[in-house]
C-alpha atoms as a PDB file:
ATOM      1  CA  UNK A   1       0.027  -0.175  -0.018  1.00  0.00           C
ATOM      2  CA  UNK A   2       1.754   3.298  -0.842  1.00  0.00           C
ATOM      3  CA  UNK A   3       2.178   6.020   1.441  1.00  0.00           C
ATOM      4  CA  UNK A   4      -0.289   8.070   0.028  1.00  0.00           C
ATOM      5  CA  UNK A   5      -3.220   5.780   0.411  1.00  0.00           C
ATOM      6  CA  UNK A   6      -2.478   5.409   4.059  1.00  0.00           C
ATOM      7  CA  UNK A   7      -1.997   9.556   4.426  1.00  0.00           C
ATOM      8  CA  UNK A   8      -5.486  10.245   3.258  1.00  0.00           C
ATOM      9  CA  UNK A   9      -8.163  11.032   5.379  1.00  0.00           C
ATOM     10  CA  UNK A  10     -11.006   8.362   5.527  1.00  0.00           C
ATOM     11  CA  UNK A  11     -14.289   8.247   6.712  1.00  0.00           C
ATOM     12  CA  UNK A  12     -16.238   5.699   8.427  1.00  0.00           C
ATOM     13  CA  UNK A  13     -20.342   4.821   8.280  1.00  0.00           C
ATOM     14  CA  UNK A  14     -21.478   2.513  10.777  1.00  0.00           C
ATOM     15  CA  UNK A  15     -24.128   0.011   9.173  1.00  0.00           C
ATOM     16  CA  UNK A  16     -24.536  -2.132  11.357  1.00  0.00           C
ATOM     17  CA  UNK A  17     -22.980  -3.880  14.234  1.00  0.00           C
ATOM     18  CA  UNK A  18     -20.324  -6.295  12.441  1.00  0.00           C
ATOM     19  CA  UNK A  19     -20.207  -3.855   9.364  1.00  0.00           C
ATOM     20  CA  UNK A  20     -18.558  -0.585   8.459  1.00  0.00           C
ATOM     21  CA  UNK A  21     -17.770   0.885   5.260  1.00  0.00           C
ATOM     22  CA  UNK A  22     -15.496   3.853   4.308  1.00  0.00           C
ATOM     23  CA  UNK A  23     -14.616   6.971   1.916  1.00  0.00           C
ATOM     24  CA  UNK A  24     -12.469   9.092   1.167  1.00  0.00           C
ATOM     25  CA  UNK A  25     -12.675  12.370   2.791  1.00  0.00           C
ATOM     26  CA  UNK A  26     -11.635  15.264  -0.109  1.00  0.00           C
ATOM     27  CA  UNK A  27     -12.198  18.277   2.149  1.00  0.00           C
ATOM     28  CA  UNK A  28     -14.833  18.741   5.318  1.00  0.00           C
ATOM     29  CA  UNK A  29     -16.553  22.186   4.241  1.00  0.00           C
ATOM     30  CA  UNK A  30     -18.622  21.942   7.157  1.00  0.00           C
ATOM     31  CA  UNK A  31     -19.081  20.357  10.607  1.00  0.00           C
ATOM     32  CA  UNK A  32     -21.248  21.241  13.787  1.00  0.00           C
ATOM     33  CA  UNK A  33     -24.064  20.844  15.921  1.00  0.00           C
ATOM     34  CA  UNK A  34     -27.541  21.868  15.825  1.00  0.00           C
ATOM     35  CA  UNK A  35     -29.649  22.029  18.688  1.00  0.00           C
ATOM     36  CA  UNK A  36     -31.334  18.826  17.493  1.00  0.00           C
ATOM     37  CA  UNK A  37     -28.728  16.850  15.256  1.00  0.00           C
ATOM     38  CA  UNK A  38     -24.759  16.753  13.674  1.00  0.00           C
ATOM     39  CA  UNK A  39     -24.383  18.196  10.839  1.00  0.00           C
ATOM     40  CA  UNK A  40     -21.291  17.515   8.338  1.00  0.00           C
ATOM     41  CA  UNK A  41     -20.631  18.141   4.675  1.00  0.00           C
ATOM     42  CA  UNK A  42     -17.786  16.531   3.259  1.00  0.00           C
ATOM     43  CA  UNK A  43     -16.331  15.607   0.004  1.00  0.00           C
ATOM     44  CA  UNK A  44     -16.221  12.740  -0.809  1.00  0.00           C
ATOM     45  CA  UNK A  45     -13.882  10.303  -3.446  1.00  0.00           C
ATOM     46  CA  UNK A  46     -16.945   8.693  -4.845  1.00  0.00           C
ATOM     47  CA  UNK A  47     -19.788  10.797  -4.483  1.00  0.00           C
ATOM     48  CA  UNK A  48     -18.994  14.478  -4.484  1.00  0.00           C
ATOM     49  CA  UNK A  49     -20.952  16.606  -1.797  1.00  0.00           C
ATOM     50  CA  UNK A  50     -22.147  14.438   0.828  1.00  0.00           C
ATOM     51  CA  UNK A  51     -24.936  15.732   3.928  1.00  0.00           C
ATOM     52  CA  UNK A  52     -24.405  13.425   6.540  1.00  0.00           C
ATOM     53  CA  UNK A  53     -27.126  13.844   9.488  1.00  0.00           C
ATOM     54  CA  UNK A  54     -26.266  12.335  13.093  1.00  0.00           C
ATOM     55  CA  UNK A  55     -23.286  10.450  11.220  1.00  0.00           C
ATOM     56  CA  UNK A  56     -25.526   8.937   8.862  1.00  0.00           C
ATOM     57  CA  UNK A  57     -25.338   9.739   4.795  1.00  0.00           C
ATOM     58  CA  UNK A  58     -28.418  11.650   3.929  1.00  0.00           C
ATOM     59  CA  UNK A  59     -27.523  12.362   0.322  1.00  0.00           C
ATOM     60  CA  UNK A  60     -24.973  12.418  -2.604  1.00  0.00           C
ATOM     61  CA  UNK A  61     -24.252  15.348  -5.414  1.00  0.00           C
ATOM     62  CA  UNK A  62     -23.768  12.060  -7.457  1.00  0.00           C
ATOM     63  CA  UNK A  63     -26.691  10.445  -6.596  1.00  0.00           C
ATOM     64  CA  UNK A  64     -29.801  12.363  -4.992  1.00  0.00           C
ATOM     65  CA  UNK A  65     -31.481  13.336  -7.848  1.00  0.00           C
ATOM     66  CA  UNK A  66     -32.607   9.496  -8.339  1.00  0.00           C
ATOM     67  CA  UNK A  67     -34.001   9.899  -4.479  1.00  0.00           C
ATOM     68  CA  UNK A  68     -35.474  12.283  -4.959  1.00  0.00           C
ATOM     69  CA  UNK A  69     -37.176  12.059  -8.181  1.00  0.00           C
ATOM     70  CA  UNK A  70     -38.377   8.430  -7.051  1.00  0.00           C
ATOM     71  CA  UNK A  71     -39.445  10.261  -3.719  1.00  0.00           C
ATOM     72  CA  UNK A  72     -41.299  12.953  -5.517  1.00  0.00           C
ATOM     73  CA  UNK A  73     -43.257  12.292  -9.396  1.00  0.00           C
ATOM     74  CA  UNK A  74     -44.338   8.982  -9.078  1.00  0.00           C
ATOM     75  CA  UNK A  75     -46.912  10.938  -6.620  1.00  0.00           C
ATOM     76  CA  UNK A  76     -47.729  13.768  -8.056  1.00  0.00           C
ATOM     77  CA  UNK A  77     -48.191  12.720 -11.773  1.00  0.00           C
ATOM     78  CA  UNK A  78     -50.553   9.667 -10.389  1.00  0.00           C
ATOM     79  CA  UNK A  79     -52.457  12.799  -9.117  1.00  0.00           C
ATOM     80  CA  UNK A  80     -54.718  13.975 -11.897  1.00  0.00           C
ATOM     81  CA  UNK A  81     -54.461  17.670 -10.810  1.00  0.00           C
ATOM     82  CA  UNK A  82     -51.575  18.358  -7.616  1.00  0.00           C
ATOM     83  CA  UNK A  83     -51.920  21.778  -7.014  1.00  0.00           C
ATOM     84  CA  UNK A  84     -50.789  21.921  -2.997  1.00  0.00           C
ATOM     85  CA  UNK A  85     -48.378  20.269  -1.405  1.00  0.00           C
ATOM     86  CA  UNK A  86     -46.471  19.443   1.931  1.00  0.00           C
ATOM     87  CA  UNK A  87     -43.815  17.965   2.815  1.00  0.00           C
ATOM     88  CA  UNK A  88     -42.698  16.705   6.222  1.00  0.00           C
ATOM     89  CA  UNK A  89     -39.046  16.977   6.488  1.00  0.00           C
ATOM     90  CA  UNK A  90     -36.850  17.864   3.754  1.00  0.00           C
ATOM     91  CA  UNK A  91     -34.536  20.889   5.123  1.00  0.00           C
ATOM     92  CA  UNK A  92     -31.377  19.857   1.893  1.00  0.00           C
ATOM     93  CA  UNK A  93     -34.137  21.510  -1.016  1.00  0.00           C
ATOM     94  CA  UNK A  94     -33.895  18.569  -3.404  1.00  0.00           C
ATOM     95  CA  UNK A  95     -37.661  17.347  -2.337  1.00  0.00           C
ATOM     96  CA  UNK A  96     -38.622  20.747  -2.580  1.00  0.00           C
ATOM     97  CA  UNK A  97     -36.423  21.401  -5.955  1.00  0.00           C
ATOM     98  CA  UNK A  98     -38.585  18.488  -7.968  1.00  0.00           C
ATOM     99  CA  UNK A  99     -41.801  19.018  -6.628  1.00  0.00           C
ATOM    100  CA  UNK A 100     -41.418  22.745  -7.849  1.00  0.00           C
ATOM    101  CA  UNK A 101     -40.722  21.228 -11.481  1.00  0.00           C
ATOM    102  CA  UNK A 102     -44.398  20.115 -11.806  1.00  0.00           C
ATOM    103  CA  UNK A 103     -46.655  23.447 -13.533  1.00  0.00           C
ATOM    104  CA  UNK A 104     -49.723  22.851 -11.888  1.00  0.00           C
ATOM    105  CA  UNK A 105     -48.358  23.704  -8.013  1.00  0.00           C
ATOM    106  CA  UNK A 106     -49.776  26.550  -6.637  1.00  0.00           C
ATOM    107  CA  UNK A 107     -48.153  26.259  -3.136  1.00  0.00           C
ATOM    108  CA  UNK A 108     -46.306  24.225  -1.283  1.00  0.00           C
ATOM    109  CA  UNK A 109     -45.236  24.328   2.168  1.00  0.00           C
ATOM    110  CA  UNK A 110     -41.644  23.250   3.714  1.00  0.00           C
ATOM    111  CA  UNK A 111     -41.308  22.310   7.389  1.00  0.00           C
ATOM    112  CA  UNK A 112     -38.468  20.840   8.566  1.00  0.00           C
ATOM    113  CA  UNK A 113     -37.746  21.588  12.798  1.00  0.00           C
ATOM    114  CA  UNK A 114     -33.497  22.086  11.936  1.00  0.00           C
ATOM    115  CA  UNK A 115     -33.294  25.501  10.563  1.00  0.00           C
ATOM    116  CA  UNK A 116     -29.414  25.324  10.355  1.00  0.00           C
ATOM    117  CA  UNK A 117     -29.645  22.357   8.441  1.00  0.00           C
ATOM    118  CA  UNK A 118     -32.144  24.811   5.563  1.00  0.00           C
ATOM    119  CA  UNK A 119     -29.837  27.638   6.223  1.00  0.00           C
ATOM    120  CA  UNK A 120     -26.932  25.680   5.252  1.00  0.00           C
ATOM    121  CA  UNK A 121     -28.553  23.573   1.914  1.00  0.00           C
ATOM    122  CA  UNK A 122     -29.931  26.958   1.304  1.00  0.00           C
ATOM    123  CA  UNK A 123     -26.604  28.479   1.135  1.00  0.00           C
ATOM    124  CA  UNK A 124     -23.898  25.669   0.131  1.00  0.00           C
ATOM    125  CA  UNK A 125     -26.589  23.445  -2.426  1.00  0.00           C
ATOM    126  CA  UNK A 126     -26.418  25.055  -5.677  1.00  0.00           C
ATOM    127  CA  UNK A 127     -28.446  22.848  -7.171  1.00  0.00           C
ATOM    128  CA  UNK A 128     -31.695  23.611  -4.482  1.00  0.00           C
ATOM    129  CA  UNK A 129     -31.088  28.007  -4.263  1.00  0.00           C
ATOM    130  CA  UNK A 130     -33.380  28.378  -6.686  1.00  0.00           C
ATOM    131  CA  UNK A 131     -36.138  26.059  -4.661  1.00  0.00           C
ATOM    132  CA  UNK A 132     -35.173  27.567  -1.195  1.00  0.00           C
ATOM    133  CA  UNK A 133     -35.917  30.806  -3.278  1.00  0.00           C
ATOM    134  CA  UNK A 134     -38.625  29.930  -4.957  1.00  0.00           C
ATOM    135  CA  UNK A 135     -42.654  32.264  -4.092  1.00  0.00           C
ATOM    136  CA  UNK A 136     -44.447  28.796  -3.901  1.00  0.00           C
ATOM    137  CA  UNK A 137     -42.274  27.510  -0.998  1.00  0.00           C
ATOM    138  CA  UNK A 138     -43.649  28.339   2.258  1.00  0.00           C
ATOM    139  CA  UNK A 139     -40.677  27.142   4.471  1.00  0.00           C
ATOM    140  CA  UNK A 140     -41.503  26.890   8.128  1.00  0.00           C
ATOM    141  CA  UNK A 141     -38.711  25.582  10.583  1.00  0.00           C
ATOM    142  CA  UNK A 142     -40.723  24.032  13.106  1.00  0.00           C
ATOM    143  CA  UNK A 143     -42.315  19.990  15.048  1.00  0.00           C
ATOM    144  CA  UNK A 144     -43.628  19.336  11.211  1.00  0.00           C
ATOM    145  CA  UNK A 145     -46.847  17.821  12.990  1.00  0.00           C
ATOM    146  CA  UNK A 146     -47.981  20.427  14.598  1.00  0.00           C
ATOM    147  CA  UNK A 147     -48.169  22.220  11.505  1.00  0.00           C
ATOM    148  CA  UNK A 148     -49.317  19.966   9.896  1.00  0.00           C
ATOM    149  CA  UNK A 149     -52.633  19.335  12.390  1.00  0.00           C
ATOM    150  CA  UNK A 150     -52.729  23.239  12.595  1.00  0.00           C
ATOM    151  CA  UNK A 151     -52.485  24.104   8.322  1.00  0.00           C
ATOM    152  CA  UNK A 152     -55.432  25.946   7.685  1.00  0.00           C
ATOM    153  CA  UNK A 153     -56.934  23.567   4.781  1.00  0.00           C
ATOM    154  CA  UNK A 154     -55.498  20.464   3.218  1.00  0.00           C
ATOM    155  CA  UNK A 155     -52.812  19.243   0.634  1.00  0.00           C
ATOM    156  CA  UNK A 156     -53.126  17.242  -2.982  1.00  0.00           C
ATOM    157  CA  UNK A 157     -50.301  15.290  -1.985  1.00  0.00           C
ATOM    158  CA  UNK A 158     -47.937  14.706   1.292  1.00  0.00           C
ATOM    159  CA  UNK A 159     -43.989  14.007   1.095  1.00  0.00           C
ATOM    160  CA  UNK A 160     -42.715  12.621   4.203  1.00  0.00           C
ATOM    161  CA  UNK A 161     -39.127  13.351   3.103  1.00  0.00           C
ATOM    162  CA  UNK A 162     -37.453  12.657   6.512  1.00  0.00           C
ATOM    163  CA  UNK A 163     -34.324  10.950   8.506  1.00  0.00           C
ATOM    164  CA  UNK A 164     -34.574   7.310   9.147  1.00  0.00           C
ATOM    165  CA  UNK A 165     -36.252   6.219  12.329  1.00  0.00           C
ATOM    166  CA  UNK A 166     -33.549   6.663  14.901  1.00  0.00           C
ATOM    167  CA  UNK A 167     -33.758   5.558  18.606  1.00  0.00           C
ATOM    168  CA  UNK A 168     -34.140   8.537  20.423  1.00  0.00           C
ATOM    169  CA  UNK A 169     -34.539  10.429  16.988  1.00  0.00           C
ATOM    170  CA  UNK A 170     -36.211  13.602  16.457  1.00  0.00           C
ATOM    171  CA  UNK A 171     -38.936  12.174  13.647  1.00  0.00           C
ATOM    172  CA  UNK A 172     -39.423   8.614  14.686  1.00  0.00           C
ATOM    173  CA  UNK A 173     -43.533   9.704  15.295  1.00  0.00           C
ATOM    174  CA  UNK A 174     -43.669  10.766  11.726  1.00  0.00           C
ATOM    175  CA  UNK A 175     -43.872   6.931  10.960  1.00  0.00           C
ATOM    176  CA  UNK A 176     -46.306   6.046  13.395  1.00  0.00           C
ATOM    177  CA  UNK A 177     -50.173   5.402  12.415  1.00  0.00           C
ATOM    178  CA  UNK A 178     -51.311   7.628  15.058  1.00  0.00           C
ATOM    179  CA  UNK A 179     -49.467  10.006  13.046  1.00  0.00           C
ATOM    180  CA  UNK A 180     -51.079   8.259   9.680  1.00  0.00           C
ATOM    181  CA  UNK A 181     -54.557   7.483  10.821  1.00  0.00           C
ATOM    182  CA  UNK A 182     -54.789  11.378  12.865  1.00  0.00           C
ATOM    183  CA  UNK A 183     -52.719  13.709  10.986  1.00  0.00           C
ATOM    184  CA  UNK A 184     -51.976  12.744   7.684  1.00  0.00           C
ATOM    185  CA  UNK A 185     -55.255  10.727   6.205  1.00  0.00           C
ATOM    186  CA  UNK A 186     -57.430  13.949   7.445  1.00  0.00           C
ATOM    187  CA  UNK A 187     -55.234  16.528   5.791  1.00  0.00           C
ATOM    188  CA  UNK A 188     -55.586  15.217   2.477  1.00  0.00           C
ATOM    189  CA  UNK A 189     -57.448  16.363  -0.318  1.00  0.00           C
ATOM    190  CA  UNK A 190     -59.981  13.296  -1.759  1.00  0.00           C
ATOM    191  CA  UNK A 191     -58.265  11.533  -4.088  1.00  0.00           C
ATOM    192  CA  UNK A 192     -55.069  13.259  -2.215  1.00  0.00           C
ATOM    193  CA  UNK A 193     -51.484  10.649  -1.684  1.00  0.00           C
ATOM    194  CA  UNK A 194     -49.123  10.309   0.427  1.00  0.00           C
ATOM    195  CA  UNK A 195     -45.339   9.379   0.089  1.00  0.00           C
ATOM    196  CA  UNK A 196     -42.221   8.802   2.538  1.00  0.00           C
ATOM    197  CA  UNK A 197     -38.752   7.218   2.410  1.00  0.00           C
ATOM    198  CA  UNK A 198     -38.714   4.236   3.972  1.00  0.00           C
ATOM    199  CA  UNK A 199     -35.436   3.701   4.562  1.00  0.00           C
ATOM    200  CA  UNK A 200     -33.109   0.001   4.040  1.00  0.00           C
ATOM    201  CA  UNK A 201     -35.148  -2.467   1.635  1.00  0.00           C
ATOM    202  CA  UNK A 202     -32.280  -5.032   0.759  1.00  0.00           C
ATOM    203  CA  UNK A 203     -33.107  -8.561   1.043  1.00  0.00           C
ATOM    204  CA  UNK A 204     -30.825  -7.671   4.224  1.00  0.00           C
ATOM    205  CA  UNK A 205     -32.493  -4.929   5.627  1.00  0.00           C
ATOM    206  CA  UNK A 206     -36.167  -4.821   4.902  1.00  0.00           C
ATOM    207  CA  UNK A 207     -37.143  -5.696   7.739  1.00  0.00           C
ATOM    208  CA  UNK A 208     -35.482  -3.043  10.313  1.00  0.00           C
ATOM    209  CA  UNK A 209     -38.173  -0.514   8.668  1.00  0.00           C
ATOM    210  CA  UNK A 210     -39.428  -1.127   5.310  1.00  0.00           C
ATOM    211  CA  UNK A 211     -41.519  -3.725   6.238  1.00  0.00           C
ATOM    212  CA  UNK A 212     -43.588  -2.113   8.984  1.00  0.00           C
ATOM    213  CA  UNK A 213     -43.785   0.608   7.530  1.00  0.00           C
ATOM    214  CA  UNK A 214     -45.694  -0.119   4.839  1.00  0.00           C
ATOM    215  CA  UNK A 215     -47.769  -2.593   7.011  1.00  0.00           C
ATOM    216  CA  UNK A 216     -48.463   0.227   8.986  1.00  0.00           C
ATOM    217  CA  UNK A 217     -49.996   2.380   6.381  1.00  0.00           C
ATOM    218  CA  UNK A 218     -52.152  -0.275   5.169  1.00  0.00           C
ATOM    219  CA  UNK A 219     -53.788  -0.542   8.460  1.00  0.00           C
ATOM    220  CA  UNK A 220     -54.712   3.185   7.787  1.00  0.00           C
ATOM    221  CA  UNK A 221     -55.192   3.882   3.610  1.00  0.00           C
ATOM    222  CA  UNK A 222     -57.087   1.506   0.664  1.00  0.00           C
ATOM    223  CA  UNK A 223     -54.017   1.191  -1.600  1.00  0.00           C
ATOM    224  CA  UNK A 224     -50.459   0.864  -0.869  1.00  0.00           C
ATOM    225  CA  UNK A 225     -47.524   0.436  -3.457  1.00  0.00           C
ATOM    226  CA  UNK A 226     -44.482  -0.315  -2.356  1.00  0.00           C
ATOM    227  CA  UNK A 227     -41.430   0.437  -4.778  1.00  0.00           C
ATOM    228  CA  UNK A 228     -37.861  -0.236  -4.243  1.00  0.00           C
ATOM    229  CA  UNK A 229     -34.322   0.996  -6.152  1.00  0.00           C
ATOM    230  CA  UNK A 230     -30.401   0.244  -5.039  1.00  0.00           C
ATOM    231  CA  UNK A 231     -29.160   4.277  -4.086  1.00  0.00           C
ATOM    232  CA  UNK A 232     -25.243   3.389  -4.304  1.00  0.00           C
ATOM    233  CA  UNK A 233     -24.308   6.226  -1.634  1.00  0.00           C
ATOM    234  CA  UNK A 234     -26.701   4.133   0.904  1.00  0.00           C
ATOM    235  CA  UNK A 235     -24.850   0.750   0.435  1.00  0.00           C
ATOM    236  CA  UNK A 236     -28.620  -1.029  -0.094  1.00  0.00           C
ATOM    237  CA  UNK A 237     -31.208  -0.929  -1.978  1.00  0.00           C
ATOM    238  CA  UNK A 238     -33.917   1.730  -1.000  1.00  0.00           C
ATOM    239  CA  UNK A 239     -37.036   1.292  -0.129  1.00  0.00           C
ATOM    240  CA  UNK A 240     -40.710   3.829  -0.665  1.00  0.00           C
ATOM    241  CA  UNK A 241     -44.040   3.027   0.278  1.00  0.00           C
ATOM    242  CA  UNK A 242     -46.735   5.902  -1.645  1.00  0.00           C
ATOM    243  CA  UNK A 243     -50.844   5.429  -0.133  1.00  0.00           C
ATOM    244  CA  UNK A 244     -53.476   6.586  -1.984  1.00  0.00           C
ATOM    245  CA  UNK A 245     -57.304   7.857  -0.834  1.00  0.00           C
ATOM    246  CA  UNK A 246     -58.289   7.270  -4.460  1.00  0.00           C
ATOM    247  CA  UNK A 247     -57.061   3.190  -5.106  1.00  0.00           C
ATOM    248  CA  UNK A 248     -57.431   2.845  -8.686  1.00  0.00           C
ATOM    249  CA  UNK A 249     -55.013   5.814  -8.876  1.00  0.00           C
ATOM    250  CA  UNK A 250     -52.917   3.514  -8.716  1.00  0.00           C
ATOM    251  CA  UNK A 251     -53.512   1.975 -12.155  1.00  0.00           C
ATOM    252  CA  UNK A 252     -51.870   3.961 -14.519  1.00  0.00           C
ATOM    253  CA  UNK A 253     -49.559   2.572 -17.258  1.00  0.00           C
ATOM    254  CA  UNK A 254     -45.977   3.355 -17.735  1.00  0.00           C
ATOM    255  CA  UNK A 255     -47.143   4.923 -21.163  1.00  0.00           C
ATOM    256  CA  UNK A 256     -49.365   7.495 -19.233  1.00  0.00           C
ATOM    257  CA  UNK A 257     -47.015   8.370 -16.929  1.00  0.00           C
ATOM    258  CA  UNK A 258     -44.826   9.377 -19.399  1.00  0.00           C
ATOM    259  CA  UNK A 259     -47.354  11.142 -20.853  1.00  0.00           C
ATOM    260  CA  UNK A 260     -48.294  12.740 -17.586  1.00  0.00           C
ATOM    261  CA  UNK A 261     -43.978  13.486 -16.764  1.00  0.00           C
ATOM    262  CA  UNK A 262     -43.980  14.975 -20.171  1.00  0.00           C
ATOM    263  CA  UNK A 263     -46.921  17.255 -20.056  1.00  0.00           C
ATOM    264  CA  UNK A 264     -46.510  18.228 -16.709  1.00  0.00           C
ATOM    265  CA  UNK A 265     -42.913  18.935 -15.226  1.00  0.00           C
ATOM    266  CA  UNK A 266     -40.087  21.222 -16.555  1.00  0.00           C
ATOM    267  CA  UNK A 267     -37.568  19.546 -17.579  1.00  0.00           C
ATOM    268  CA  UNK A 268     -36.378  16.019 -18.542  1.00  0.00           C
ATOM    269  CA  UNK A 269     -36.748  12.853 -16.331  1.00  0.00           C
ATOM    270  CA  UNK A 270     -33.158  12.165 -15.316  1.00  0.00           C
ATOM    271  CA  UNK A 271     -33.955   8.402 -14.125  1.00  0.00           C
ATOM    272  CA  UNK A 272     -37.582   7.903 -13.761  1.00  0.00           C
ATOM    273  CA  UNK A 273     -40.186   7.463 -16.655  1.00  0.00           C
ATOM    274  CA  UNK A 274     -43.035   4.644 -17.209  1.00  0.00           C
ATOM    275  CA  UNK A 275     -41.671   1.361 -17.807  1.00  0.00           C
ATOM    276  CA  UNK A 276     -38.510   2.370 -14.978  1.00  0.00           C
ATOM    277  CA  UNK A 277     -41.601   2.886 -12.497  1.00  0.00           C
ATOM    278  CA  UNK A 278     -43.113  -0.353 -13.098  1.00  0.00           C
ATOM    279  CA  UNK A 279     -39.771  -2.050 -12.656  1.00  0.00           C
ATOM    280  CA  UNK A 280     -39.391  -0.653  -9.430  1.00  0.00           C
ATOM    281  CA  UNK A 281     -42.713  -2.188  -8.098  1.00  0.00           C
ATOM    282  CA  UNK A 282     -42.234  -5.469  -9.250  1.00  0.00           C
ATOM    283  CA  UNK A 283     -40.563  -6.525  -6.123  1.00  0.00           C
ATOM    284  CA  UNK A 284     -38.133  -9.599  -5.347  1.00  0.00           C
ATOM    285  CA  UNK A 285     -39.445 -13.025  -4.409  1.00  0.00           C
ATOM    286  CA  UNK A 286     -37.674 -12.419  -0.556  1.00  0.00           C
ATOM    287  CA  UNK A 287     -39.291  -8.699  -0.183  1.00  0.00           C
ATOM    288  CA  UNK A 288     -43.277 -10.165  -1.747  1.00  0.00           C
ATOM    289  CA  UNK A 289     -42.817 -12.230   1.390  1.00  0.00           C
ATOM    290  CA  UNK A 290     -41.599 -10.109   4.212  1.00  0.00           C
ATOM    291  CA  UNK A 291     -43.959  -7.769   2.917  1.00  0.00           C
ATOM    292  CA  UNK A 292     -46.975 -10.548   3.066  1.00  0.00           C
ATOM    293  CA  UNK A 293     -45.429 -11.256   6.864  1.00  0.00           C
ATOM    294  CA  UNK A 294     -45.479  -8.359   8.470  1.00  0.00           C
ATOM    295  CA  UNK A 295     -47.016  -7.501  11.532  1.00  0.00           C
ATOM    296  CA  UNK A 296     -45.883  -4.765  13.639  1.00  0.00           C
ATOM    297  CA  UNK A 297     -47.703  -2.063  13.505  1.00  0.00           C
ATOM    298  CA  UNK A 298     -45.623   1.440  13.635  1.00  0.00           C
ATOM    299  CA  UNK A 299     -46.488   3.164  17.517  1.00  0.00           C
ATOM    300  CA  UNK A 300     -44.635   4.786  19.583  1.00  0.00           C
ATOM    301  CA  UNK A 301     -44.372   1.670  21.606  1.00  0.00           C
ATOM    302  CA  UNK A 302     -43.621  -1.184  19.097  1.00  0.00           C
ATOM    303  CA  UNK A 303     -40.893   1.694  17.403  1.00  0.00           C
ATOM    304  CA  UNK A 304     -37.965  -0.464  15.203  1.00  0.00           C
ATOM    305  CA  UNK A 305     -34.834   1.928  14.878  1.00  0.00           C
ATOM    306  CA  UNK A 306     -32.463   0.857  11.799  1.00  0.00           C
ATOM    307  CA  UNK A 307     -29.167   0.713  13.131  1.00  0.00           C
ATOM    308  CA  UNK A 308     -27.470   4.134  14.301  1.00  0.00           C
ATOM    309  CA  UNK A 309     -27.434   6.948  17.610  1.00  0.00           C
ATOM    310  CA  UNK A 310     -28.603  10.618  17.797  1.00  0.00           C
ATOM    311  CA  UNK A 311     -24.919  11.908  18.663  1.00  0.00           C
ATOM    312  CA  UNK A 312     -25.083  12.924  22.111  1.00  0.00           C
ATOM    313  CA  UNK A 313     -26.803  16.089  23.559  1.00  0.00           C
ATOM    314  CA  UNK A 314     -29.130  15.999  20.563  1.00  0.00           C
ATOM    315  CA  UNK A 315     -32.103  13.756  21.408  1.00  0.00           C
ATOM    316  CA  UNK A 316     -35.294  15.135  20.988  1.00  0.00           C
ATOM    317  CA  UNK A 317     -38.311  15.324  23.248  1.00  0.00           C
ATOM    318  CA  UNK A 318     -42.202  13.057  23.147  1.00  0.00           C
ATOM    319  CA  UNK A 319     -42.479  16.113  20.497  1.00  0.00           C
ATOM    320  CA  UNK A 320     -42.609  14.561  16.991  1.00  0.00           C
ATOM    321  CA  UNK A 321     -40.067  16.603  14.448  1.00  0.00           C
ATOM    322  CA  UNK A 322     -39.518  16.494  10.512  1.00  0.00           C
ATOM    323  CA  UNK A 323     -35.856  16.649   9.679  1.00  0.00           C
ATOM    324  CA  UNK A 324     -34.646  15.776   6.683  1.00  0.00           C
END
């Protein structure tokens, strides 16, 4: 091994109790703490600018567009005419960026608990700067549940762009049946759609939280569509769950999805099209079996958590907060 190689700075992320992976650090652009979490922006070798919260990768510039296209656009195009959208979390700004590409959107409300993250991403993530400055965006730094409950009116689409549920973390209660039943469902317009990122969904990791989130949503909504995609920066397959109040909206053909994307969205999709989404919904046999066998309803008392821990001094109280 060369001397130059050994002198380089490497960052390690814990993926499990007995598994770590590392990436080369080119530059530490920011490292600090907010009231809620540790915040780091690091220019890594393989992934470019990479955002970490509490030591867990949130996104990287080389593949965040895949994650955010899949979080936003399937739900938006399944809705007949989405005009009002609410984002729980999303402080990075990329989810807002993708929502605002839809010509029909008149009002976007984004609530993220952590102003430090929002301000930092606004300043340093150039690709999201225009979203933060859009007149259609109302950005609120507060408790996402409280703001959604109190916000006047309802929404066509509600998006959960939350940090993964960590024990003691700021947002795990926004994955519960209580939140879905008593807040989200009540704040959706007729035909409204809810979509949430749902954590790791690989063959070794899908039962950490993904299957429980799916089971919980199925206890509340008449139709839930799970789909997955490998994300290089997460070193795993990732999962999303889309919950529909009108089950018929799921019966959209690949050709119709392509037509709607072309007609409604500014610019070209880099990853998503109708054929791609059809493929992402075709889950492997193992994952289908895990989803079918899941019985856990996610509550504050039965919560599951992904591997990791909250930074010392940043543990949240009992409030249900939203953070990207």
